[in-house]
Structure formats: structure tokens, C-alpha cells
Amino acid sequence: MLIDLIEETQKSFSKKEIDEEVALKLSNYHEKIDLVWPNPTNDFNYKIKSRGWVGYIPIDKKNIISIKPKAPLKNIFGMLEYAYKLKSFNFLEGTIELDNLNDLFEELAAILSKQIIIRIKKGLYGDYVNQTEDSVFVRGRININETIKNFNNGFPKVNCSFQEHLTDLEDNQILLWTIHTLSRTKLEKERVRKLVNQAYRGLVQRVSLNRKSALDCLDRIYHRMNIDYQPMHILCRFFLENIGPSLGGMKNDFIPFILNMPNLFESFVAEWLKQNVPEYISVIDQHKVNLNPDGSLSFRIDIVLRDNLRNKTLCVLDTKYKINENPNESDIAQITAYAAEQKCDHGFLIYPSSHVKETSAFPGNIKINTLVFDISKNIDESGNNFLNALLSKLK
């Protein structure tokens, strides 16, 4: 059964549509969906609502949740460009037609595969790796002590240390594991399947298949010999973060692909600002603040804007991915605490929808305002409106 939902919208299902066994399985996904059980207040129906996730969640071999985003798919694609820093690598040329989330997923898979194929044709990045082995031939430097032990034990081989140029490095293993993962999903477009398979065949002949995670894609070292791996690893991180478990056994498989929209919105706003604020402003995202000496108590501020000329914090921003909800007291209290800690006069709550009511609050000497970065419209146009409103409030 396909349980079809729309982001941020609660939907009712009768007991005939969802039986108790499926409902119990749904309750295991409480981090991704809100499930209200049948009771007199809801006419004895199940009520289900996404908790900020869009995509496909496999429940079992027969049931899957499909959650459609409210924002246009081309805008989500644009948010991904910024959030995963794809835009700066000029990955996306021309206009890509997107009809559903599978299209978005597959186009990104095609982009990664093409980049890998290009690199394979140029030659995979390799490096010299220290090796040690016992051999009948001398290679590199002889390890005297180990060689003597070999002969004393009746093993007439020379122990040598040498450097060998290998492509079986983690840089390439990340690519292979990601492509391997993609090859096991049900890709609908033959063009994309061929690209993924071509990339896989080119890598598996030269690289060993080792499981990798999204964390392996972070904090890597790049230089002139492997700089083109950086955007590929960014895409690998995207897939390894967002692709779910296999749906093997379903008659009509969906790609188990799911996006956390609150996280995406937060990263997107931060990266958009980094590329568009005036030069005198620096953007710091995920700013950690320790509340006691040993750091056991802390909080993270979504975004801090600093004036480089005056060396002071201009304002703090907290993104709130709420489509149809207005700010509440806890939202105001949270951003006020952030502003007070940063010793600045302004705090902003950033929402993705113009349906949010414009709100102002003045706790002490701090000014709190709501601002909108409307992701339902052209992203850069909405971004410019958001930035102009932000700078105007700061003045």
C-alpha cells in the first residue's frame, strides 16, 4: 500500500486503509512522522503527518510512505545546490525538468556518474603507499632483521619495504561505495542506469569495495592532484546521508530517498547568505556556545552575522521550518538567549513561507523580528527580498 502524504499536512486514514499491524510499524517512525491513533475525537481514524521529511519511507515489503514536498521541485533542487555547495562547482548546466523526487534523485545520480566517468578516463587519483612484503626478489629497502628471521625459520625470502603507486585509496573507495549503493536502487531512467553501471564497472576494476558513510566525505584534504574529487565527495555525502534501506521485494519499487527539510532549509539559508551578503559581513553557521567551563552545557546558533569592519556581531538568525505556524513564546525566548549571549541587539526568526505572520518583540534592549525566505518562489529573487529586509532591519 502507498500511504500518500503532503509535507506539513495531516491526512486521515480509515481502519480499512491501515490495519493495526501496519500502524504498529508506523509508530516505529515517530522521528519522521506523527501518528495519532483512532479515538472519538478523530472519528476513529488514523491521523498521519510528516515531521519535516519528504521522500519515501519503506515500512515493509508491502507498504511505503510517500511524502510530497510543498515547495516546487526545482526550488528544492536549487536549495540542494547551495546547501551541498554544488553551485560553486558549476555542476548543473542548463535546465533539468523535474516531475517528482525520483527525478531529482536520478539527475543527481547522473551528475555524479558523469563526473566519475570523466575522472576514470583521465586516470583515477593515486598516491604512493608504504608496503612491506616477503619476496624472492629485492624491491626497495631490505629489512635486515626481518630477513634474518625468515632465513632462520627456514623461509628463504627477503623482507622488503617499498612504495607502490595505488589507486585503491579512500578517495576512490568513497566513490565506489556510493555508486554501488546507487546501483542497488531502482533507477527508472535507462540513461541514468547506464551511467551508474558504467561508473561502477570503471571503478570496481581498480578499487576495493568497502562500506563508507557520509562522515567519511567530510574534512578531507584536497590539492591540485585531486581537487576535482571535492564536488564528487559532496554528492556522495548527499546520497549516503539521504538514501534509505533497500525495498527489495516490492512490486513497484521506489527509491528509498528521504530529505529532512528543516535541516536542508537551515543549511540552504546559511550557504545562500555566504554567497550574497556584502563583503564586510561574515556568516558563521552552526556556531557552538559553551554555557559552562567544561562544555557539558552548550547550544548551537544556526547563523551568526558579524561586521568585519567593527569586529562585532550584527545579529543572530534561527531558521524555523514551519509552513503554516506562527512564532510562539519558546521561539522568541530561544532567539533572545542567542542574541544576549552574542551581545547583539538583533535576533531574527527565519521562515520558509509568506503565510507566517510578521512578528516583532522587544525583550529588554533586544529587537526580535520574523523574516521570510519564501522557498515557494524563485529562490534567488526570494533571497534578495529576504536579504534586503534583513539589512533594512539592521539599519
Protein backbone atom coordinates (compact mmCIF):
# COMPACT_ATOMS: atom_id res chain seq x y z
CA MET A 1 0.00 0.00 0.00
CA LEU A 2 1.17 3.51 -0.78
CA ILE A 3 0.49 5.92 2.11
CA ASP A 4 0.48 9.20 0.23
CA LEU A 5 1.15 12.38 2.24
CA ILE A 6 1.92 16.03 1.57
CA GLU A 7 4.54 17.77 3.67
CA GLU A 8 3.26 19.57 6.78
CA THR A 9 -0.33 18.40 6.08
CA GLN A 10 -2.16 15.95 8.33
CA LYS A 11 -4.12 13.25 6.50
CA SER A 12 -6.79 10.83 7.73
CA PHE A 13 -6.88 7.09 7.02
CA SER A 14 -9.64 4.70 7.98
CA LYS A 15 -9.07 1.39 9.78
CA LYS A 16 -9.79 -0.34 6.46
CA GLU A 17 -6.97 1.56 4.78
CA ILE A 18 -4.45 0.99 7.58
CA ASP A 19 -4.76 -2.03 9.83
CA GLU A 20 -3.33 -2.25 13.32
CA GLU A 21 -0.28 -4.28 12.29
CA VAL A 22 0.82 -1.60 9.80
CA ALA A 23 0.04 1.14 12.34
CA LEU A 24 2.34 -0.52 14.86
CA LYS A 25 5.12 -0.49 12.27
CA LEU A 26 4.38 3.16 11.52
CA SER A 27 4.79 4.00 15.20
CA ASN A 28 8.46 2.99 14.91
CA TYR A 29 9.00 6.01 12.67
CA HIS A 30 7.99 8.58 15.29
CA GLU A 31 11.04 10.72 14.46
CA LYS A 32 9.80 11.18 10.90
CA ILE A 33 6.01 11.13 11.21
CA ASP A 34 3.34 11.99 13.77
CA LEU A 35 0.76 9.22 14.16
CA VAL A 36 -2.49 9.78 16.03
CA TRP A 37 -4.37 6.56 16.79
CA PRO A 38 -8.14 6.24 16.25
CA ASN A 39 -10.18 7.79 19.04
CA PRO A 40 -13.55 9.54 19.47
CA THR A 41 -12.05 12.98 18.67
CA ASN A 42 -10.92 11.94 15.19
CA ASP A 43 -13.90 9.77 14.18
CA PHE A 44 -11.82 6.67 14.91
CA ASN A 45 -9.43 7.33 12.02
CA TYR A 46 -5.66 7.32 11.91
CA LYS A 47 -4.09 10.77 11.51
CA ILE A 48 -0.62 10.94 9.96
CA LYS A 49 1.62 13.97 9.40
CA SER A 50 5.24 14.31 8.29
CA ARG A 51 7.67 15.85 10.76
CA GLY A 52 9.57 17.85 8.19
CA TRP A 53 10.61 14.93 5.98
CA VAL A 54 9.88 14.46 2.29
CA GLY A 55 10.57 11.44 0.11
CA TYR A 56 9.92 7.73 0.51
CA ILE A 57 9.99 5.73 3.74
CA PRO A 58 9.77 1.94 3.39
CA ILE A 59 7.67 0.39 6.16
CA ASP A 60 7.88 -3.20 4.94
CA LYS A 61 7.82 -5.06 1.62
CA LYS A 62 4.18 -4.15 1.01
CA ASN A 63 3.81 -0.64 2.46
CA ILE A 64 5.60 2.61 1.83
CA ILE A 65 5.07 6.23 2.84
CA SER A 66 5.38 8.79 0.06
CA ILE A 67 5.69 12.41 1.26
CA LYS A 68 5.49 15.11 -1.40
CA PRO A 69 7.11 18.49 -0.71
CA LYS A 70 5.12 21.71 -0.74
CA ALA A 71 7.92 23.65 -2.40
CA PRO A 72 8.35 23.25 -6.18
CA LEU A 73 10.88 20.53 -7.01
CA LYS A 74 13.06 22.92 -9.00
CA ASN A 75 13.36 25.03 -5.84
CA ILE A 76 14.37 22.02 -3.76
CA PHE A 77 16.97 21.27 -6.43
CA GLY A 78 18.17 24.85 -6.12
CA MET A 79 18.32 24.57 -2.32
CA LEU A 80 20.45 21.46 -2.69
CA GLU A 81 22.80 23.35 -5.00
CA TYR A 82 23.50 25.83 -2.22
CA ALA A 83 23.24 23.58 0.83
CA TYR A 84 25.63 20.98 -0.56
CA LYS A 85 27.80 23.65 -2.22
CA LEU A 86 27.19 22.23 -5.68
CA LYS A 87 26.57 25.61 -7.27
CA SER A 88 30.16 26.76 -6.87
CA PHE A 89 31.37 23.75 -8.89
CA ASN A 90 29.21 24.51 -11.92
CA PHE A 91 27.74 21.01 -11.87
CA LEU A 92 24.31 21.87 -13.13
CA GLU A 93 24.25 23.12 -16.68
CA GLY A 94 21.04 24.00 -18.46
CA THR A 95 17.55 23.35 -17.20
CA ILE A 96 16.59 19.99 -15.74
CA GLU A 97 12.93 19.04 -15.92
CA LEU A 98 11.75 17.52 -12.65
CA ASP A 99 8.36 15.91 -12.17
CA ASN A 100 8.91 14.15 -8.85
CA LEU A 101 11.50 13.42 -6.18
CA ASN A 102 12.71 10.37 -8.09
CA ASP A 103 13.61 12.68 -10.98
CA LEU A 104 15.62 14.88 -8.64
CA PHE A 105 17.41 11.88 -7.16
CA GLU A 106 18.20 10.36 -10.54
CA GLU A 107 19.51 13.58 -12.07
CA LEU A 108 21.95 13.95 -9.18
CA ALA A 109 22.96 10.31 -9.65
CA ALA A 110 23.59 11.02 -13.34
CA ILE A 111 25.71 14.06 -12.50
CA LEU A 112 27.88 12.07 -10.07
CA SER A 113 28.26 9.18 -12.53
CA LYS A 114 29.32 11.51 -15.35
CA GLN A 115 31.96 13.15 -13.17
CA ILE A 116 33.34 9.74 -12.13
CA ILE A 117 33.47 8.54 -15.76
CA ILE A 118 35.36 11.69 -16.75
CA ARG A 119 37.87 11.09 -13.95
CA ILE A 120 38.31 7.41 -14.90
CA LYS A 121 39.16 8.44 -18.47
CA LYS A 122 41.74 10.92 -17.15
CA GLY A 123 43.04 8.33 -14.68
CA LEU A 124 41.95 7.84 -11.09
CA TYR A 125 43.84 9.74 -8.44
CA GLY A 126 46.58 7.59 -6.92
CA ASP A 127 49.31 8.01 -4.36
CA TYR A 128 52.41 6.24 -3.15
CA VAL A 129 51.65 3.91 -0.25
CA ASN A 130 54.22 2.23 2.01
CA GLN A 131 54.22 -1.54 1.51
CA THR A 132 56.11 -4.41 3.14
CA GLU A 133 56.33 -7.94 1.78
CA ASP A 134 58.47 -11.09 1.69
CA SER A 135 59.81 -11.83 -1.79
CA VAL A 136 62.42 -13.84 -3.64
CA PHE A 137 63.38 -10.58 -5.36
CA VAL A 138 64.78 -7.44 -3.73
CA ARG A 139 62.40 -4.50 -4.04
CA GLY A 140 63.10 -1.18 -2.37
CA ARG A 141 64.84 -1.39 1.02
CA ILE A 142 65.78 -4.70 2.67
CA ASN A 143 64.67 -5.08 6.29
CA ILE A 144 67.73 -6.90 7.69
CA ASN A 145 66.26 -8.13 10.98
CA GLU A 146 63.07 -9.46 9.40
CA THR A 147 65.03 -11.13 6.59
CA ILE A 148 67.36 -12.87 9.09
CA LYS A 149 64.29 -14.15 10.97
CA ASN A 150 62.88 -15.52 7.70
CA PHE A 151 66.08 -17.47 6.91
CA ASN A 152 66.43 -18.73 10.48
CA ASN A 153 62.87 -20.08 10.27
CA GLY A 154 63.60 -21.87 7.00
CA PHE A 155 61.75 -19.25 4.96
CA PRO A 156 64.27 -18.10 2.30
CA LYS A 157 62.65 -14.82 1.32
CA VAL A 158 63.81 -11.23 1.60
CA ASN A 159 61.64 -8.84 3.62
CA CYS A 160 61.46 -5.55 1.73
CA SER A 161 59.87 -2.15 2.30
CA PHE A 162 58.92 -0.09 -0.73
CA GLN A 163 56.43 2.46 -2.01
CA GLU A 164 53.79 1.47 -4.55
CA HIS A 165 51.56 3.79 -6.55
CA LEU A 166 47.96 2.72 -5.85
CA THR A 167 44.51 3.94 -6.77
CA ASP A 168 42.85 1.84 -4.07
CA LEU A 169 42.61 4.87 -1.77
CA GLU A 170 39.73 6.13 0.37
CA ASP A 171 39.11 8.98 -2.10
CA ASN A 172 38.15 6.37 -4.70
CA GLN A 173 36.57 3.93 -2.25
CA ILE A 174 34.02 6.62 -1.30
CA LEU A 175 33.05 6.95 -4.97
CA LEU A 176 32.75 3.20 -5.45
CA TRP A 177 30.64 2.59 -2.34
CA THR A 178 28.26 5.40 -3.31
CA ILE A 179 27.91 4.16 -6.89
CA HIS A 180 27.48 0.61 -5.57
CA THR A 181 24.65 1.87 -3.34
CA LEU A 182 23.03 3.69 -6.26
CA SER A 183 23.30 0.62 -8.48
CA ARG A 184 21.20 -1.34 -5.98
CA THR A 185 18.30 1.13 -6.11
CA LYS A 186 15.56 1.00 -8.72
CA LEU A 187 16.51 3.71 -11.17
CA GLU A 188 13.68 4.39 -13.61
CA LYS A 189 15.61 6.15 -16.36
CA GLU A 190 17.63 3.87 -18.62
CA ARG A 191 20.06 6.72 -19.34
CA VAL A 192 20.83 7.04 -15.63
CA ARG A 193 21.11 3.26 -15.12
CA LYS A 194 23.69 3.05 -17.92
CA LEU A 195 25.75 5.91 -16.47
CA VAL A 196 25.73 4.40 -12.97
CA ASN A 197 26.71 0.96 -14.30
CA GLN A 198 29.47 2.43 -16.46
CA ALA A 199 30.90 4.31 -13.48
CA TYR A 200 30.67 1.19 -11.31
CA ARG A 201 32.45 -1.03 -13.85
CA GLY A 202 35.22 1.52 -14.26
CA LEU A 203 35.81 1.81 -10.50
CA VAL A 204 35.43 -1.80 -9.34
CA GLN A 205 38.34 -2.94 -11.52
CA ARG A 206 40.72 -0.59 -9.71
CA VAL A 207 39.24 -0.01 -6.25
CA SER A 208 38.17 -2.33 -3.44
CA LEU A 209 34.56 -2.16 -2.24
CA ASN A 210 34.49 -1.02 1.39
CA ARG A 211 31.49 0.35 3.26
CA LYS A 212 31.63 4.14 3.70
CA SER A 213 29.44 6.68 5.48
CA ALA A 214 28.59 10.34 4.95
CA LEU A 215 31.11 11.22 7.68
CA ASP A 216 33.92 9.80 5.54
CA CYS A 217 33.16 12.51 2.97
CA LEU A 218 33.85 15.34 5.41
CA ASP A 219 37.11 17.12 6.30
CA ARG A 220 39.10 15.56 3.51
CA ILE A 221 42.34 17.03 2.17
CA TYR A 222 42.36 18.28 -1.42
CA HIS A 223 45.19 19.60 -3.58
CA ARG A 224 45.89 20.15 -7.26
CA MET A 225 46.01 16.40 -7.98
CA ASN A 226 42.56 15.58 -6.55
CA ILE A 227 40.70 18.89 -6.33
CA ASP A 228 38.01 17.60 -8.73
CA TYR A 229 37.14 14.95 -6.12
CA GLN A 230 35.73 17.58 -3.76
CA PRO A 231 32.41 18.14 -5.58
CA MET A 232 32.09 14.38 -6.18
CA HIS A 233 32.54 13.70 -2.47
CA ILE A 234 29.93 16.35 -1.71
CA LEU A 235 27.43 14.47 -3.86
CA CYS A 236 28.50 11.18 -2.26
CA ARG A 237 27.78 12.70 1.13
CA PHE A 238 24.33 13.75 -0.10
CA PHE A 239 23.46 10.22 -1.23
CA LEU A 240 24.93 8.48 1.81
CA GLU A 241 23.02 10.83 4.12
CA ASN A 242 19.68 10.56 2.36
CA ILE A 243 19.35 7.16 0.77
CA GLY A 244 17.45 4.63 2.83
CA PRO A 245 17.42 0.85 3.15
CA SER A 246 16.56 -1.38 0.20
CA LEU A 247 12.94 -2.01 -0.64
CA GLY A 248 13.65 -5.43 -2.09
CA GLY A 249 10.56 -7.47 -2.77
CA MET A 250 8.15 -4.67 -3.65
CA LYS A 251 6.40 -4.97 -6.99
CA ASN A 252 6.70 -1.26 -7.68
CA ASP A 253 9.90 -0.20 -6.01
CA PHE A 254 10.50 3.41 -5.04
CA ILE A 255 13.94 4.80 -4.46
CA PRO A 256 14.13 4.92 -0.65
CA PHE A 257 15.15 8.56 -0.73
CA ILE A 258 14.27 10.97 2.06
CA LEU A 259 15.18 14.58 2.83
CA ASN A 260 14.96 16.38 6.15
CA MET A 261 13.56 19.73 5.05
CA PRO A 262 14.29 21.65 8.31
CA ASN A 263 17.98 20.69 8.04
CA LEU A 264 18.05 21.44 4.32
CA PHE A 265 16.41 24.84 4.86
CA GLU A 266 18.89 25.75 7.61
CA SER A 267 21.93 24.78 5.51
CA PHE A 268 20.49 26.44 2.42
CA VAL A 269 19.88 29.80 4.13
CA ALA A 270 23.40 29.80 5.60
CA GLU A 271 25.08 28.98 2.29
CA TRP A 272 22.91 31.43 0.34
CA LEU A 273 23.91 34.20 2.74
CA LYS A 274 27.59 33.30 2.47
CA GLN A 275 27.43 33.86 -1.26
CA ASN A 276 25.29 37.01 -1.22
CA VAL A 277 25.91 39.21 1.83
CA PRO A 278 28.05 42.35 1.45
CA GLU A 279 31.80 41.74 1.74
CA TYR A 280 32.08 43.40 5.16
CA ILE A 281 29.76 40.75 6.69
CA SER A 282 30.90 37.25 7.58
CA VAL A 283 28.46 34.36 8.02
CA ILE A 284 29.08 31.75 10.72
CA ASP A 285 26.79 28.74 10.73
CA GLN A 286 26.28 26.16 13.49
CA HIS A 287 28.08 28.40 15.99
CA LYS A 288 28.64 26.43 19.20
CA VAL A 289 28.43 28.28 22.51
CA ASN A 290 29.58 26.64 25.74
CA LEU A 291 27.42 27.60 28.70
CA ASN A 292 29.78 26.29 31.39
CA PRO A 293 33.56 25.82 31.65
CA ASP A 294 33.69 22.12 30.83
CA GLY A 295 31.35 22.42 27.83
CA SER A 296 28.84 19.92 29.17
CA LEU A 297 26.12 22.52 28.58
CA SER A 298 26.03 24.26 25.23
CA PHE A 299 23.82 25.35 22.40
CA ARG A 300 24.31 25.90 18.69
CA ILE A 301 23.20 29.09 16.96
CA ASP A 302 22.01 28.42 13.41
CA ILE A 303 23.58 31.53 11.89
CA VAL A 304 25.63 34.45 13.26
CA LEU A 305 26.34 37.54 11.13
CA ARG A 306 29.42 39.55 12.08
CA ASP A 307 30.58 43.00 10.99
CA ASN A 308 34.23 42.51 9.96
CA LEU A 309 34.97 46.23 9.96
CA ARG A 310 33.81 46.80 13.54
CA ASN A 311 34.62 43.27 14.75
CA LYS A 312 31.23 42.77 16.37
CA THR A 313 28.20 40.55 15.98
CA LEU A 314 25.44 42.18 13.95
CA CYS A 315 22.67 39.67 14.64
CA VAL A 316 21.75 36.04 15.21
CA LEU A 317 19.39 34.03 12.98
CA ASP A 318 17.38 30.94 13.82
CA THR A 319 15.67 29.07 10.96
CA LYS A 320 12.20 27.70 11.67
CA TYR A 321 10.89 25.31 9.06
CA LYS A 322 7.22 25.87 9.77
CA ILE A 323 4.99 26.32 6.75
CA ASN A 324 1.78 27.49 8.38
CA GLU A 325 2.73 28.11 12.00
CA ASN A 326 3.43 31.46 13.65
CA PRO A 327 6.18 32.20 16.19
CA ASN A 328 5.46 31.21 19.77
CA GLU A 329 6.92 32.22 23.12
CA SER A 330 9.56 29.48 23.11
CA ASP A 331 10.81 30.62 19.68
CA ILE A 332 11.16 34.18 20.99
CA ALA A 333 12.87 33.02 24.17
CA GLN A 334 15.36 30.89 22.23
CA ILE A 335 16.48 33.61 19.82
CA THR A 336 16.61 36.15 22.67
CA ALA A 337 19.02 33.91 24.58
CA TYR A 338 21.18 33.61 21.46
CA ALA A 339 21.28 37.40 20.99
CA ALA A 340 22.07 38.02 24.65
CA GLU A 341 24.95 35.54 24.58
CA GLN A 342 26.38 37.19 21.45
CA LYS A 343 25.88 40.67 22.96
CA CYS A 344 23.99 41.93 19.93
CA ASP A 345 20.78 43.93 19.56
CA HIS A 346 19.02 41.93 16.85
CA GLY A 347 17.63 38.43 16.52
CA PHE A 348 15.70 37.05 13.56
CA LEU A 349 13.45 34.04 13.15
CA ILE A 350 13.60 32.89 9.52
CA TYR A 351 10.59 31.11 7.99
CA PRO A 352 10.17 29.45 4.57
CA SER A 353 6.66 30.69 3.87
CA SER A 354 4.99 34.07 3.48
CA HIS A 355 1.95 32.62 5.30
CA VAL A 356 3.77 33.22 8.59
CA LYS A 357 2.55 36.30 10.40
CA GLU A 358 5.11 39.10 10.69
CA THR A 359 6.01 39.42 14.35
CA SER A 360 8.14 41.80 16.42
CA ALA A 361 9.14 41.55 20.06
CA PHE A 362 11.32 43.69 22.29
CA PRO A 363 12.65 41.74 25.28
CA GLY A 364 14.87 44.25 27.08
CA ASN A 365 17.15 46.04 24.63
CA ILE A 366 16.95 43.25 22.04
CA LYS A 367 14.81 43.52 18.90
CA ILE A 368 13.32 40.26 17.63
CA ASN A 369 11.74 40.08 14.16
CA THR A 370 10.42 37.41 11.85
CA LEU A 371 11.67 37.32 8.27
CA VAL A 372 10.65 35.15 5.33
CA PHE A 373 12.85 33.36 2.81
CA ASP A 374 10.00 32.15 0.61
CA ILE A 375 11.04 28.83 -0.95
CA SER A 376 7.79 28.58 -2.93
CA LYS A 377 9.04 31.26 -5.35
CA ASN A 378 12.19 31.85 -7.36
CA ILE A 379 14.97 31.17 -4.87
CA ASP A 380 17.35 33.98 -5.75
CA GLU A 381 14.52 36.50 -6.06
CA SER A 382 13.17 35.43 -2.66
CA GLY A 383 16.70 35.54 -1.29
CA ASN A 384 17.23 39.12 -2.42
CA ASN A 385 13.93 40.17 -0.83
CA PHE A 386 14.96 38.39 2.38
CA LEU A 387 18.42 39.99 2.43
CA ASN A 388 17.07 43.48 1.73
CA ALA A 389 14.57 43.11 4.57
CA LEU A 390 17.32 41.85 6.90
CA LEU A 391 19.72 44.71 6.12
CA SER A 392 16.88 47.22 6.41
CA LYS A 393 16.01 45.96 9.91
CA LEU A 394 19.67 46.14 10.95
CA LYS A 395 19.91 49.76 9.83
